[in-house]
Amino acid sequence: MNAQETVAVPHPAIAPRTRAEREASARSAAEQIAHERVQVAAHYQHDPSIFSMVLDSRLAYATGVFHDPSEDLETAQRRKYARIAEKLAIKPGERVLDVGCGWGSNLLYLAQHTQGLFQGITLSEKQRDEALARARAWGVADRVRIDVRHVEELAVEPGSLDAILFSGSIVHMHNRAEIHGMVGRLLRPGGRLLISDCYFPVQQRGDRESEATQYIFVEALGYCRLLGLSEELALIEEAGLDVLHVEDLTSHYALTLERWIDNVRRNRRRIEEISPGFSRVLQAYMTVARLSFARRTALEYMILATKGRPAVDVGRWAIP
């Protein structure tokens, strides 16, 4: 689909829920891609050393998985990496695309623990540079490629990918129907899709028109669109995939955000020396987000889907 010839309208069954969505729906597809490319990237263009003071050592900007609320962030994120690896079950030589790969947290973990071939895309040059530096340092650069590109501008041969991952990234993408259609085209039979991201309950809880919502979705993070889980699953199925597994990680994200907020507070002075005012942005949006997940006015799910016959047997998972 040519972005210049289409309009970024919501899926017919999905009405805009927020001011940010209504504004996005008024743009053409090309205008919305340009908007996301600039506005979303701005948050991630801050110095990676700031995020290294807030996140885990691999720089995962998404929820961890806690077995106990007293666990530390590193333990929870290690468990999440292992869980994603178990679900994707990447075999030697398989091709994997990480959309919104960030600083390479999942991408490089998978490269270190499998013999797959990996491509990541991000909107941030600083994220790309940090991820590639880590790939070289960890000895996997020969199987990793990372480009600065919007997913809707990606040129990949149809039926050429074995797995596609969105972790904390699809929420930044307005044109979800087109993106899921692209996923369906790019995956070969047996290919897997994994999404880990946040959603609105279909039954409204809380004020989605509040200034706090606008602050997170636009001012802090550039652009966010939260669907209902059933709406995302419907788009996945309409793209020709079957849903294998859905996992609720809402309480885990509240715990993850607690750890991040503590780290912002602990490192406030150093963050402010690097980027004046950014520690306030981080603490403000993370505090509102933590309360949203704690109150379940926002939800976090991990979704696994497959194109055709599953390559993994969910009944035999030994997920840590």
C-alpha atoms as a PDB file:
ATOM      1  CA  MET A   1       0.000   0.000   0.000  1.00  0.00           C
ATOM      2  CA  ASN A   2       1.353   3.391  -1.000  1.00  0.00           C
ATOM      3  CA  ALA A   3       1.427   5.770   1.986  1.00  0.00           C
ATOM      4  CA  GLN A   4       0.921   8.800  -0.286  1.00  0.00           C
ATOM      5  CA  GLU A   5      -2.324   7.376  -1.682  1.00  0.00           C
ATOM      6  CA  THR A   6      -3.997   6.283   1.561  1.00  0.00           C
ATOM      7  CA  VAL A   7      -5.446   8.040   4.568  1.00  0.00           C
ATOM      8  CA  ALA A   8      -4.610   7.008   8.146  1.00  0.00           C
ATOM      9  CA  VAL A   9      -8.175   6.338   9.241  1.00  0.00           C
ATOM     10  CA  PRO A  10      -9.047   4.091  12.165  1.00  0.00           C
ATOM     11  CA  HIS A  11     -10.059   0.491  11.526  1.00  0.00           C
ATOM     12  CA  PRO A  12     -13.846   0.515  10.917  1.00  0.00           C
ATOM     13  CA  ALA A  13     -14.522  -1.258  14.223  1.00  0.00           C
ATOM     14  CA  ILE A  14     -12.167   0.919  16.268  1.00  0.00           C
ATOM     15  CA  ALA A  15     -13.224   4.445  17.173  1.00  0.00           C
ATOM     16  CA  PRO A  16     -10.587   6.924  18.377  1.00  0.00           C
ATOM     17  CA  ARG A  17     -10.472   7.050  22.173  1.00  0.00           C
ATOM     18  CA  THR A  18      -8.160   9.992  22.805  1.00  0.00           C
ATOM     19  CA  ARG A  19      -7.332  13.437  21.477  1.00  0.00           C
ATOM     20  CA  ALA A  20      -4.054  12.071  20.062  1.00  0.00           C
ATOM     21  CA  GLU A  21      -5.922   9.405  18.062  1.00  0.00           C
ATOM     22  CA  ARG A  22      -8.408  11.917  16.661  1.00  0.00           C
ATOM     23  CA  GLU A  23      -5.554  14.158  15.545  1.00  0.00           C
ATOM     24  CA  ALA A  24      -3.781  11.189  13.940  1.00  0.00           C
ATOM     25  CA  SER A  25      -6.958  10.139  12.117  1.00  0.00           C
ATOM     26  CA  ALA A  26      -7.143  13.589  10.488  1.00  0.00           C
ATOM     27  CA  ARG A  27      -3.688  13.166   8.937  1.00  0.00           C
ATOM     28  CA  SER A  28      -2.892  11.282   5.752  1.00  0.00           C
ATOM     29  CA  ALA A  29      -0.941   8.056   6.148  1.00  0.00           C
ATOM     30  CA  ALA A  30       2.224   9.782   4.906  1.00  0.00           C
ATOM     31  CA  GLU A  31       1.709  12.655   7.355  1.00  0.00           C
ATOM     32  CA  GLN A  32       1.198  10.253  10.266  1.00  0.00           C
ATOM     33  CA  ILE A  33       4.334   8.287   9.387  1.00  0.00           C
ATOM     34  CA  ALA A  34       6.295  11.541   9.302  1.00  0.00           C
ATOM     35  CA  HIS A  35       4.740  12.584  12.609  1.00  0.00           C
ATOM     36  CA  GLU A  36       5.685   9.313  14.317  1.00  0.00           C
ATOM     37  CA  ARG A  37       9.168   9.388  12.789  1.00  0.00           C
ATOM     38  CA  VAL A  38       9.908  12.761  14.405  1.00  0.00           C
ATOM     39  CA  GLN A  39       7.772  12.909  17.539  1.00  0.00           C
ATOM     40  CA  VAL A  40       8.246   9.345  18.787  1.00  0.00           C
ATOM     41  CA  ALA A  41      11.970   9.379  18.059  1.00  0.00           C
ATOM     42  CA  ALA A  42      12.514  12.509  20.168  1.00  0.00           C
ATOM     43  CA  HIS A  43      12.093  10.647  23.467  1.00  0.00           C
ATOM     44  CA  TYR A  44      14.567   7.940  22.474  1.00  0.00           C
ATOM     45  CA  GLN A  45      17.157  10.367  21.107  1.00  0.00           C
ATOM     46  CA  HIS A  46      18.254  11.287  24.630  1.00  0.00           C
ATOM     47  CA  ASP A  47      21.697  10.084  25.679  1.00  0.00           C
ATOM     48  CA  PRO A  48      21.676   6.295  26.217  1.00  0.00           C
ATOM     49  CA  SER A  49      23.604   6.830  29.456  1.00  0.00           C
ATOM     50  CA  ILE A  50      20.420   8.329  30.935  1.00  0.00           C
ATOM     51  CA  PHE A  51      18.436   5.192  30.228  1.00  0.00           C
ATOM     52  CA  SER A  52      21.273   3.053  31.589  1.00  0.00           C
ATOM     53  CA  MET A  53      20.647   4.742  34.960  1.00  0.00           C
ATOM     54  CA  VAL A  54      16.933   3.908  34.841  1.00  0.00           C
ATOM     55  CA  LEU A  55      16.493   0.573  33.033  1.00  0.00           C
ATOM     56  CA  ASP A  56      18.162  -2.821  33.411  1.00  0.00           C
ATOM     57  CA  SER A  57      21.654  -3.499  32.064  1.00  0.00           C
ATOM     58  CA  ARG A  58      20.309  -4.548  28.620  1.00  0.00           C
ATOM     59  CA  LEU A  59      18.066  -1.445  28.444  1.00  0.00           C
ATOM     60  CA  ALA A  60      14.668  -3.100  28.112  1.00  0.00           C
ATOM     61  CA  TYR A  61      12.057  -0.333  27.911  1.00  0.00           C
ATOM     62  CA  ALA A  62       9.149  -2.692  28.543  1.00  0.00           C
ATOM     63  CA  THR A  63       7.775  -4.715  31.409  1.00  0.00           C
ATOM     64  CA  GLY A  64       9.734  -7.410  33.184  1.00  0.00           C
ATOM     65  CA  VAL A  65       8.216 -10.618  34.589  1.00  0.00           C
ATOM     66  CA  PHE A  66       8.237 -10.972  38.366  1.00  0.00           C
ATOM     67  CA  HIS A  67       7.775 -14.184  40.326  1.00  0.00           C
ATOM     68  CA  ASP A  68       7.868 -12.205  43.557  1.00  0.00           C
ATOM     69  CA  PRO A  69       7.238  -8.481  44.137  1.00  0.00           C
ATOM     70  CA  SER A  70      10.529  -8.261  46.039  1.00  0.00           C
ATOM     71  CA  GLU A  71      12.637  -9.269  43.031  1.00  0.00           C
ATOM     72  CA  ASP A  72      14.990  -6.747  41.475  1.00  0.00           C
ATOM     73  CA  LEU A  73      14.693  -5.339  37.964  1.00  0.00           C
ATOM     74  CA  GLU A  74      17.555  -7.372  36.495  1.00  0.00           C
ATOM     75  CA  THR A  75      15.957 -10.653  37.585  1.00  0.00           C
ATOM     76  CA  ALA A  76      12.547  -9.702  36.192  1.00  0.00           C
ATOM     77  CA  GLN A  77      13.946  -8.588  32.846  1.00  0.00           C
ATOM     78  CA  ARG A  78      16.137 -11.685  32.481  1.00  0.00           C
ATOM     79  CA  ARG A  79      13.023 -13.777  32.956  1.00  0.00           C
ATOM     80  CA  LYS A  80      11.190 -11.728  30.300  1.00  0.00           C
ATOM     81  CA  TYR A  81      14.014 -12.195  27.769  1.00  0.00           C
ATOM     82  CA  ALA A  82      13.988 -15.930  28.389  1.00  0.00           C
ATOM     83  CA  ARG A  83      10.211 -16.057  28.060  1.00  0.00           C
ATOM     84  CA  ILE A  84      10.279 -14.289  24.699  1.00  0.00           C
ATOM     85  CA  ALA A  85      13.021 -16.639  23.500  1.00  0.00           C
ATOM     86  CA  GLU A  86      10.988 -19.670  24.591  1.00  0.00           C
ATOM     87  CA  LYS A  87       7.863 -18.436  22.836  1.00  0.00           C
ATOM     88  CA  LEU A  88       9.576 -17.523  19.558  1.00  0.00           C
ATOM     89  CA  ALA A  89      11.624 -20.763  19.490  1.00  0.00           C
ATOM     90  CA  ILE A  90      14.084 -19.465  16.905  1.00  0.00           C
ATOM     91  CA  LYS A  91      15.956 -22.159  14.973  1.00  0.00           C
ATOM     92  CA  PRO A  92      19.403 -21.819  13.349  1.00  0.00           C
ATOM     93  CA  GLY A  93      19.253 -19.673  10.225  1.00  0.00           C
ATOM     94  CA  GLU A  94      15.746 -18.353  10.843  1.00  0.00           C
ATOM     95  CA  ARG A  95      15.179 -14.672  10.035  1.00  0.00           C
ATOM     96  CA  VAL A  96      13.794 -12.428  12.769  1.00  0.00           C
ATOM     97  CA  LEU A  97      12.593  -8.804  12.596  1.00  0.00           C
ATOM     98  CA  ASP A  98      12.453  -6.720  15.794  1.00  0.00           C
ATOM     99  CA  VAL A  99      10.233  -3.693  15.122  1.00  0.00           C
ATOM    100  CA  GLY A 100      11.130  -0.858  17.465  1.00  0.00           C
ATOM    101  CA  CYS A 101      14.202  -2.708  18.692  1.00  0.00           C
ATOM    102  CA  GLY A 102      15.346   0.120  20.964  1.00  0.00           C
ATOM    103  CA  TRP A 103      18.888  -0.285  22.247  1.00  0.00           C
ATOM    104  CA  GLY A 104      18.825  -3.964  21.267  1.00  0.00           C
ATOM    105  CA  SER A 105      17.660  -5.559  24.515  1.00  0.00           C
ATOM    106  CA  ASN A 106      15.600  -8.426  23.078  1.00  0.00           C
ATOM    107  CA  LEU A 107      17.325  -8.493  19.698  1.00  0.00           C
ATOM    108  CA  LEU A 108      20.789  -9.041  21.159  1.00  0.00           C
ATOM    109  CA  TYR A 109      19.603 -11.491  23.820  1.00  0.00           C
ATOM    110  CA  LEU A 110      18.066 -13.604  21.058  1.00  0.00           C
ATOM    111  CA  ALA A 111      21.217 -13.289  18.944  1.00  0.00           C
ATOM    112  CA  GLN A 112      23.338 -14.465  21.882  1.00  0.00           C
ATOM    113  CA  HIS A 113      21.083 -17.404  22.722  1.00  0.00           C
ATOM    114  CA  THR A 114      20.133 -18.672  19.250  1.00  0.00           C
ATOM    115  CA  GLN A 115      21.704 -18.962  15.808  1.00  0.00           C
ATOM    116  CA  GLY A 116      19.079 -16.875  14.056  1.00  0.00           C
ATOM    117  CA  LEU A 117      19.642 -13.924  11.708  1.00  0.00           C
ATOM    118  CA  PHE A 118      18.342 -10.628  13.078  1.00  0.00           C
ATOM    119  CA  GLN A 119      17.163  -7.320  11.692  1.00  0.00           C
ATOM    120  CA  GLY A 120      16.034  -4.490  13.935  1.00  0.00           C
ATOM    121  CA  ILE A 121      14.457  -1.176  13.049  1.00  0.00           C
ATOM    122  CA  THR A 122      14.173   1.928  15.215  1.00  0.00           C
ATOM    123  CA  LEU A 123      13.310   5.583  14.695  1.00  0.00           C
ATOM    124  CA  SER A 124      16.313   6.714  16.757  1.00  0.00           C
ATOM    125  CA  GLU A 125      19.873   6.985  15.464  1.00  0.00           C
ATOM    126  CA  LYS A 126      21.176   6.940  19.037  1.00  0.00           C
ATOM    127  CA  GLN A 127      19.366   3.696  19.756  1.00  0.00           C
ATOM    128  CA  ARG A 128      20.753   2.140  16.576  1.00  0.00           C
ATOM    129  CA  ASP A 129      24.314   3.223  17.363  1.00  0.00           C
ATOM    130  CA  GLU A 130      24.151   1.917  20.939  1.00  0.00           C
ATOM    131  CA  ALA A 131      22.625  -1.400  19.845  1.00  0.00           C
ATOM    132  CA  LEU A 132      25.264  -1.937  17.143  1.00  0.00           C
ATOM    133  CA  ALA A 133      28.065  -1.107  19.603  1.00  0.00           C
ATOM    134  CA  ARG A 134      26.678  -3.722  21.973  1.00  0.00           C
ATOM    135  CA  ALA A 135      26.359  -6.245  19.143  1.00  0.00           C
ATOM    136  CA  ARG A 136      30.050  -5.787  18.369  1.00  0.00           C
ATOM    137  CA  ALA A 137      31.055  -6.002  22.023  1.00  0.00           C
ATOM    138  CA  TRP A 138      29.006  -9.172  22.548  1.00  0.00           C
ATOM    139  CA  GLY A 139      30.266 -10.920  19.413  1.00  0.00           C
ATOM    140  CA  VAL A 140      27.018 -11.141  17.436  1.00  0.00           C
ATOM    141  CA  ALA A 141      27.433  -8.271  14.961  1.00  0.00           C
ATOM    142  CA  ASP A 142      27.792 -10.688  12.026  1.00  0.00           C
ATOM    143  CA  ARG A 143      24.170 -11.821  12.522  1.00  0.00           C
ATOM    144  CA  VAL A 144      22.626  -8.453  13.411  1.00  0.00           C
ATOM    145  CA  ARG A 145      21.514  -5.584  11.195  1.00  0.00           C
ATOM    146  CA  ILE A 146      19.799  -2.462  12.550  1.00  0.00           C
ATOM    147  CA  ASP A 147      18.291   0.318  10.441  1.00  0.00           C
ATOM    148  CA  VAL A 148      16.699   3.669  11.233  1.00  0.00           C
ATOM    149  CA  ARG A 149      13.353   3.265   9.506  1.00  0.00           C
ATOM    150  CA  HIS A 150       9.616   3.459  10.070  1.00  0.00           C
ATOM    151  CA  VAL A 151       7.994   0.041   9.873  1.00  0.00           C
ATOM    152  CA  GLU A 152       5.571   1.162   7.144  1.00  0.00           C
ATOM    153  CA  GLU A 153       8.542   2.091   4.944  1.00  0.00           C
ATOM    154  CA  LEU A 154      10.269  -1.264   5.367  1.00  0.00           C
ATOM    155  CA  ALA A 155      11.166  -3.157   2.182  1.00  0.00           C
ATOM    156  CA  VAL A 156      11.243  -6.887   2.941  1.00  0.00           C
ATOM    157  CA  GLU A 157      10.480  -9.770   0.608  1.00  0.00           C
ATOM    158  CA  PRO A 158       7.029 -11.274   1.311  1.00  0.00           C
ATOM    159  CA  GLY A 159       7.166 -14.662   3.017  1.00  0.00           C
ATOM    160  CA  SER A 160      10.804 -14.219   4.035  1.00  0.00           C
ATOM    161  CA  LEU A 161      10.592 -13.887   7.839  1.00  0.00           C
ATOM    162  CA  ASP A 162      10.233 -16.545  10.536  1.00  0.00           C
ATOM    163  CA  ALA A 163       9.448 -14.262  13.470  1.00  0.00           C
ATOM    164  CA  ILE A 164       8.418 -10.646  14.053  1.00  0.00           C
ATOM    165  CA  LEU A 165       8.657  -9.011  17.469  1.00  0.00           C
ATOM    166  CA  PHE A 166       7.057  -5.821  18.802  1.00  0.00           C
ATOM    167  CA  SER A 167       8.047  -5.171  22.425  1.00  0.00           C
ATOM    168  CA  GLY A 168       6.855  -1.854  23.798  1.00  0.00           C
ATOM    169  CA  SER A 169       6.696  -0.457  20.274  1.00  0.00           C
ATOM    170  CA  ILE A 170       3.415  -1.157  18.482  1.00  0.00           C
ATOM    171  CA  VAL A 171       1.714   1.286  20.860  1.00  0.00           C
ATOM    172  CA  HIS A 172       3.536   4.089  18.982  1.00  0.00           C
ATOM    173  CA  MET A 173       2.003   3.050  15.633  1.00  0.00           C
ATOM    174  CA  HIS A 174      -1.351   4.442  14.560  1.00  0.00           C
ATOM    175  CA  ASN A 175      -2.031   2.510  11.362  1.00  0.00           C
ATOM    176  CA  ARG A 176      -2.395  -0.894  12.972  1.00  0.00           C
ATOM    177  CA  ALA A 177      -4.518  -2.575  10.308  1.00  0.00           C
ATOM    178  CA  GLU A 178      -1.869  -1.872   7.661  1.00  0.00           C
ATOM    179  CA  ILE A 179       0.920  -3.013   9.987  1.00  0.00           C
ATOM    180  CA  HIS A 180      -0.795  -6.310  10.774  1.00  0.00           C
ATOM    181  CA  GLY A 181      -1.486  -6.831   7.097  1.00  0.00           C
ATOM    182  CA  MET A 182       2.219  -6.323   6.455  1.00  0.00           C
ATOM    183  CA  VAL A 183       3.082  -8.856   9.179  1.00  0.00           C
ATOM    184  CA  GLY A 184       0.815 -11.403   7.534  1.00  0.00           C
ATOM    185  CA  ARG A 185       2.546 -10.872   4.195  1.00  0.00           C
ATOM    186  CA  LEU A 186       6.110 -10.961   5.508  1.00  0.00           C
ATOM    187  CA  LEU A 187       5.838 -14.109   7.623  1.00  0.00           C
ATOM    188  CA  ARG A 188       6.357 -17.465   5.956  1.00  0.00           C
ATOM    189  CA  PRO A 189       4.200 -20.475   6.948  1.00  0.00           C
ATOM    190  CA  GLY A 190       4.972 -21.368  10.560  1.00  0.00           C
ATOM    191  CA  GLY A 191       6.161 -17.822  11.254  1.00  0.00           C
ATOM    192  CA  ARG A 192       5.527 -16.290  14.665  1.00  0.00           C
ATOM    193  CA  LEU A 193       4.369 -12.860  15.819  1.00  0.00           C
ATOM    194  CA  LEU A 194       4.996 -11.725  19.393  1.00  0.00           C
ATOM    195  CA  ILE A 195       3.657  -8.461  20.821  1.00  0.00           C
ATOM    196  CA  SER A 196       4.280  -7.194  24.350  1.00  0.00           C
ATOM    197  CA  ASP A 197       2.496  -3.900  24.903  1.00  0.00           C
ATOM    198  CA  CYS A 198      -0.208  -1.915  26.667  1.00  0.00           C
ATOM    199  CA  TYR A 199      -3.953  -1.728  25.996  1.00  0.00           C
ATOM    200  CA  PHE A 200      -7.096  -0.017  27.172  1.00  0.00           C
ATOM    201  CA  PRO A 201      -9.900  -2.082  28.711  1.00  0.00           C
ATOM    202  CA  VAL A 202     -12.771  -2.081  26.232  1.00  0.00           C
ATOM    203  CA  GLN A 203     -15.040  -0.922  29.069  1.00  0.00           C
ATOM    204  CA  GLN A 204     -13.708   2.531  29.888  1.00  0.00           C
ATOM    205  CA  ARG A 205     -12.063   3.044  33.265  1.00  0.00           C
ATOM    206  CA  GLY A 206     -10.665   6.442  34.117  1.00  0.00           C
ATOM    207  CA  ASP A 207     -10.540   9.630  32.063  1.00  0.00           C
ATOM    208  CA  ARG A 208      -8.933   9.089  28.659  1.00  0.00           C
ATOM    209  CA  GLU A 209      -9.333  12.768  27.824  1.00  0.00           C
ATOM    210  CA  SER A 210      -7.376  13.943  30.866  1.00  0.00           C
ATOM    211  CA  GLU A 211      -4.311  16.153  30.724  1.00  0.00           C
ATOM    212  CA  ALA A 212      -2.344  13.279  32.260  1.00  0.00           C
ATOM    213  CA  THR A 213      -3.260  11.023  29.325  1.00  0.00           C
ATOM    214  CA  GLN A 214      -2.346  13.741  26.844  1.00  0.00           C
ATOM    215  CA  TYR A 215       0.961  14.304  28.651  1.00  0.00           C
ATOM    216  CA  ILE A 216       2.012  10.651  28.367  1.00  0.00           C
ATOM    217  CA  PHE A 217       0.669   9.981  24.878  1.00  0.00           C
ATOM    218  CA  VAL A 218       1.926  13.178  23.233  1.00  0.00           C
ATOM    219  CA  GLU A 219       4.256  15.341  25.300  1.00  0.00           C
ATOM    220  CA  ALA A 220       6.353  12.599  26.899  1.00  0.00           C
ATOM    221  CA  LEU A 221       6.297   9.800  24.304  1.00  0.00           C
ATOM    222  CA  GLY A 222       5.398  11.534  21.037  1.00  0.00           C
ATOM    223  CA  TYR A 223       2.435   9.397  19.999  1.00  0.00           C
ATOM    224  CA  CYS A 224       0.640   6.442  21.583  1.00  0.00           C
ATOM    225  CA  ARG A 225      -2.447   4.515  20.557  1.00  0.00           C
ATOM    226  CA  LEU A 226      -3.891   1.969  22.977  1.00  0.00           C
ATOM    227  CA  LEU A 227      -6.386  -0.448  21.444  1.00  0.00           C
ATOM    228  CA  GLY A 228      -8.518  -2.929  23.311  1.00  0.00           C
ATOM    229  CA  LEU A 229      -6.989  -6.405  23.444  1.00  0.00           C
ATOM    230  CA  SER A 230      -9.883  -7.886  21.444  1.00  0.00           C
ATOM    231  CA  GLU A 231      -9.337  -5.246  18.750  1.00  0.00           C
ATOM    232  CA  GLU A 232      -5.634  -6.105  18.397  1.00  0.00           C
ATOM    233  CA  LEU A 233      -6.443  -9.816  18.286  1.00  0.00           C
ATOM    234  CA  ALA A 234      -9.073  -9.216  15.591  1.00  0.00           C
ATOM    235  CA  LEU A 235      -6.534  -7.378  13.428  1.00  0.00           C
ATOM    236  CA  ILE A 236      -4.058 -10.227  13.900  1.00  0.00           C
ATOM    237  CA  GLU A 237      -6.663 -12.762  12.830  1.00  0.00           C
ATOM    238  CA  GLU A 238      -7.782 -10.644   9.873  1.00  0.00           C
ATOM    239  CA  ALA A 239      -4.150 -10.694   8.689  1.00  0.00           C
ATOM    240  CA  GLY A 240      -4.341 -14.503   8.487  1.00  0.00           C
ATOM    241  CA  LEU A 241      -2.651 -15.434  11.761  1.00  0.00           C
ATOM    242  CA  ASP A 242      -3.900 -17.659  14.579  1.00  0.00           C
ATOM    243  CA  VAL A 243      -3.568 -16.527  18.195  1.00  0.00           C
ATOM    244  CA  LEU A 244      -1.755 -19.142  20.289  1.00  0.00           C
ATOM    245  CA  HIS A 245      -1.325 -17.504  23.674  1.00  0.00           C
ATOM    246  CA  VAL A 246      -2.194 -14.315  25.555  1.00  0.00           C
ATOM    247  CA  GLU A 247      -0.624 -13.453  28.899  1.00  0.00           C
ATOM    248  CA  ASP A 248      -1.669 -10.659  31.277  1.00  0.00           C
ATOM    249  CA  LEU A 249       1.412  -8.826  32.607  1.00  0.00           C
ATOM    250  CA  THR A 250      -0.381  -5.757  33.982  1.00  0.00           C
ATOM    251  CA  SER A 251       0.741  -6.154  37.600  1.00  0.00           C
ATOM    252  CA  HIS A 252       4.279  -6.867  36.382  1.00  0.00           C
ATOM    253  CA  TYR A 253       4.410  -3.542  34.566  1.00  0.00           C
ATOM    254  CA  ALA A 254       3.357  -1.702  37.720  1.00  0.00           C
ATOM    255  CA  LEU A 255       6.292  -3.345  39.534  1.00  0.00           C
ATOM    256  CA  THR A 256       8.666  -2.562  36.654  1.00  0.00           C
ATOM    257  CA  LEU A 257       7.640   1.097  36.721  1.00  0.00           C
ATOM    258  CA  GLU A 258       8.225   1.237  40.476  1.00  0.00           C
ATOM    259  CA  ARG A 259      11.839   0.147  39.875  1.00  0.00           C
ATOM    260  CA  TRP A 260      12.287   2.700  37.087  1.00  0.00           C
ATOM    261  CA  ILE A 261      10.880   5.530  39.204  1.00  0.00           C
ATOM    262  CA  ASP A 262      13.200   4.617  42.077  1.00  0.00           C
ATOM    263  CA  ASN A 263      16.132   4.715  39.655  1.00  0.00           C
ATOM    264  CA  VAL A 264      15.104   8.126  38.298  1.00  0.00           C
ATOM    265  CA  ARG A 265      14.952   9.503  41.832  1.00  0.00           C
ATOM    266  CA  ARG A 266      18.294   7.951  42.746  1.00  0.00           C
ATOM    267  CA  ASN A 267      20.019   9.368  39.674  1.00  0.00           C
ATOM    268  CA  ARG A 268      18.145  12.646  39.287  1.00  0.00           C
ATOM    269  CA  ARG A 269      21.195  14.893  39.624  1.00  0.00           C
ATOM    270  CA  ARG A 270      23.226  12.984  37.027  1.00  0.00           C
ATOM    271  CA  ILE A 271      20.283  12.845  34.596  1.00  0.00           C
ATOM    272  CA  GLU A 272      19.738  16.590  34.925  1.00  0.00           C
ATOM    273  CA  GLU A 273      23.418  17.269  34.215  1.00  0.00           C
ATOM    274  CA  ILE A 274      23.075  15.425  30.902  1.00  0.00           C
ATOM    275  CA  SER A 275      19.580  16.573  29.886  1.00  0.00           C
ATOM    276  CA  PRO A 276      18.055  19.331  32.025  1.00  0.00           C
ATOM    277  CA  GLY A 277      14.356  18.699  32.731  1.00  0.00           C
ATOM    278  CA  PHE A 278      14.299  15.112  31.459  1.00  0.00           C
ATOM    279  CA  SER A 279      14.238  13.490  34.893  1.00  0.00           C
ATOM    280  CA  ARG A 280      10.964  15.341  35.576  1.00  0.00           C
ATOM    281  CA  VAL A 281       9.505  14.049  32.307  1.00  0.00           C
ATOM    282  CA  LEU A 282      10.495  10.485  33.159  1.00  0.00           C
ATOM    283  CA  GLN A 283       9.212  10.568  36.719  1.00  0.00           C
ATOM    284  CA  ALA A 284       5.948  12.282  35.779  1.00  0.00           C
ATOM    285  CA  TYR A 285       4.943   9.944  32.979  1.00  0.00           C
ATOM    286  CA  MET A 286       6.147   6.817  34.777  1.00  0.00           C
ATOM    287  CA  THR A 287       4.203   7.744  37.908  1.00  0.00           C
ATOM    288  CA  VAL A 288       0.974   8.212  35.964  1.00  0.00           C
ATOM    289  CA  ALA A 289       1.628   4.979  34.044  1.00  0.00           C
ATOM    290  CA  ARG A 290       2.285   3.018  37.253  1.00  0.00           C
ATOM    291  CA  LEU A 291      -0.992   4.196  38.751  1.00  0.00           C
ATOM    292  CA  SER A 292      -2.813   3.309  35.532  1.00  0.00           C
ATOM    293  CA  PHE A 293      -1.541  -0.270  35.589  1.00  0.00           C
ATOM    294  CA  ALA A 294      -2.047  -0.606  39.346  1.00  0.00           C
ATOM    295  CA  ARG A 295      -5.686   0.528  38.937  1.00  0.00           C
ATOM    296  CA  ARG A 296      -6.082  -1.438  35.677  1.00  0.00           C
ATOM    297  CA  THR A 297      -7.207   1.607  33.733  1.00  0.00           C
ATOM    298  CA  ALA A 298      -4.470   0.426  31.346  1.00  0.00           C
ATOM    299  CA  LEU A 299      -3.481  -3.202  30.794  1.00  0.00           C
ATOM    300  CA  GLU A 300      -0.349  -5.018  29.607  1.00  0.00           C
ATOM    301  CA  TYR A 301      -0.460  -8.180  27.503  1.00  0.00           C
ATOM    302  CA  MET A 302       1.994 -10.451  25.725  1.00  0.00           C
ATOM    303  CA  ILE A 303       0.500 -12.024  22.607  1.00  0.00           C
ATOM    304  CA  LEU A 304       1.843 -14.916  20.525  1.00  0.00           C
ATOM    305  CA  ALA A 305       0.373 -15.721  17.114  1.00  0.00           C
ATOM    306  CA  THR A 306       1.377 -17.970  14.234  1.00  0.00           C
ATOM    307  CA  LYS A 307       0.896 -18.065  10.486  1.00  0.00           C
ATOM    308  CA  GLY A 308      -0.424 -21.540   9.742  1.00  0.00           C
ATOM    309  CA  ARG A 309       0.660 -24.613  11.654  1.00  0.00           C
ATOM    310  CA  PRO A 310       2.423 -23.628  14.912  1.00  0.00           C
ATOM    311  CA  ALA A 311       6.166 -24.188  15.139  1.00  0.00           C
ATOM    312  CA  VAL A 312       5.850 -24.320  18.928  1.00  0.00           C
ATOM    313  CA  ASP A 313       3.655 -26.483  21.158  1.00  0.00           C
ATOM    314  CA  VAL A 314       2.288 -24.249  23.909  1.00  0.00           C
ATOM    315  CA  GLY A 315       1.382 -27.278  25.986  1.00  0.00           C
ATOM    316  CA  ARG A 316       5.041 -28.256  26.270  1.00  0.00           C
ATOM    317  CA  TRP A 317       6.555 -24.909  27.224  1.00  0.00           C
ATOM    318  CA  ALA A 318       9.028 -24.909  30.050  1.00  0.00           C
ATOM    319  CA  ILE A 319       8.706 -21.158  30.453  1.00  0.00           C
ATOM    320  CA  PRO A 320      10.876 -19.894  33.339  1.00  0.00           C
END
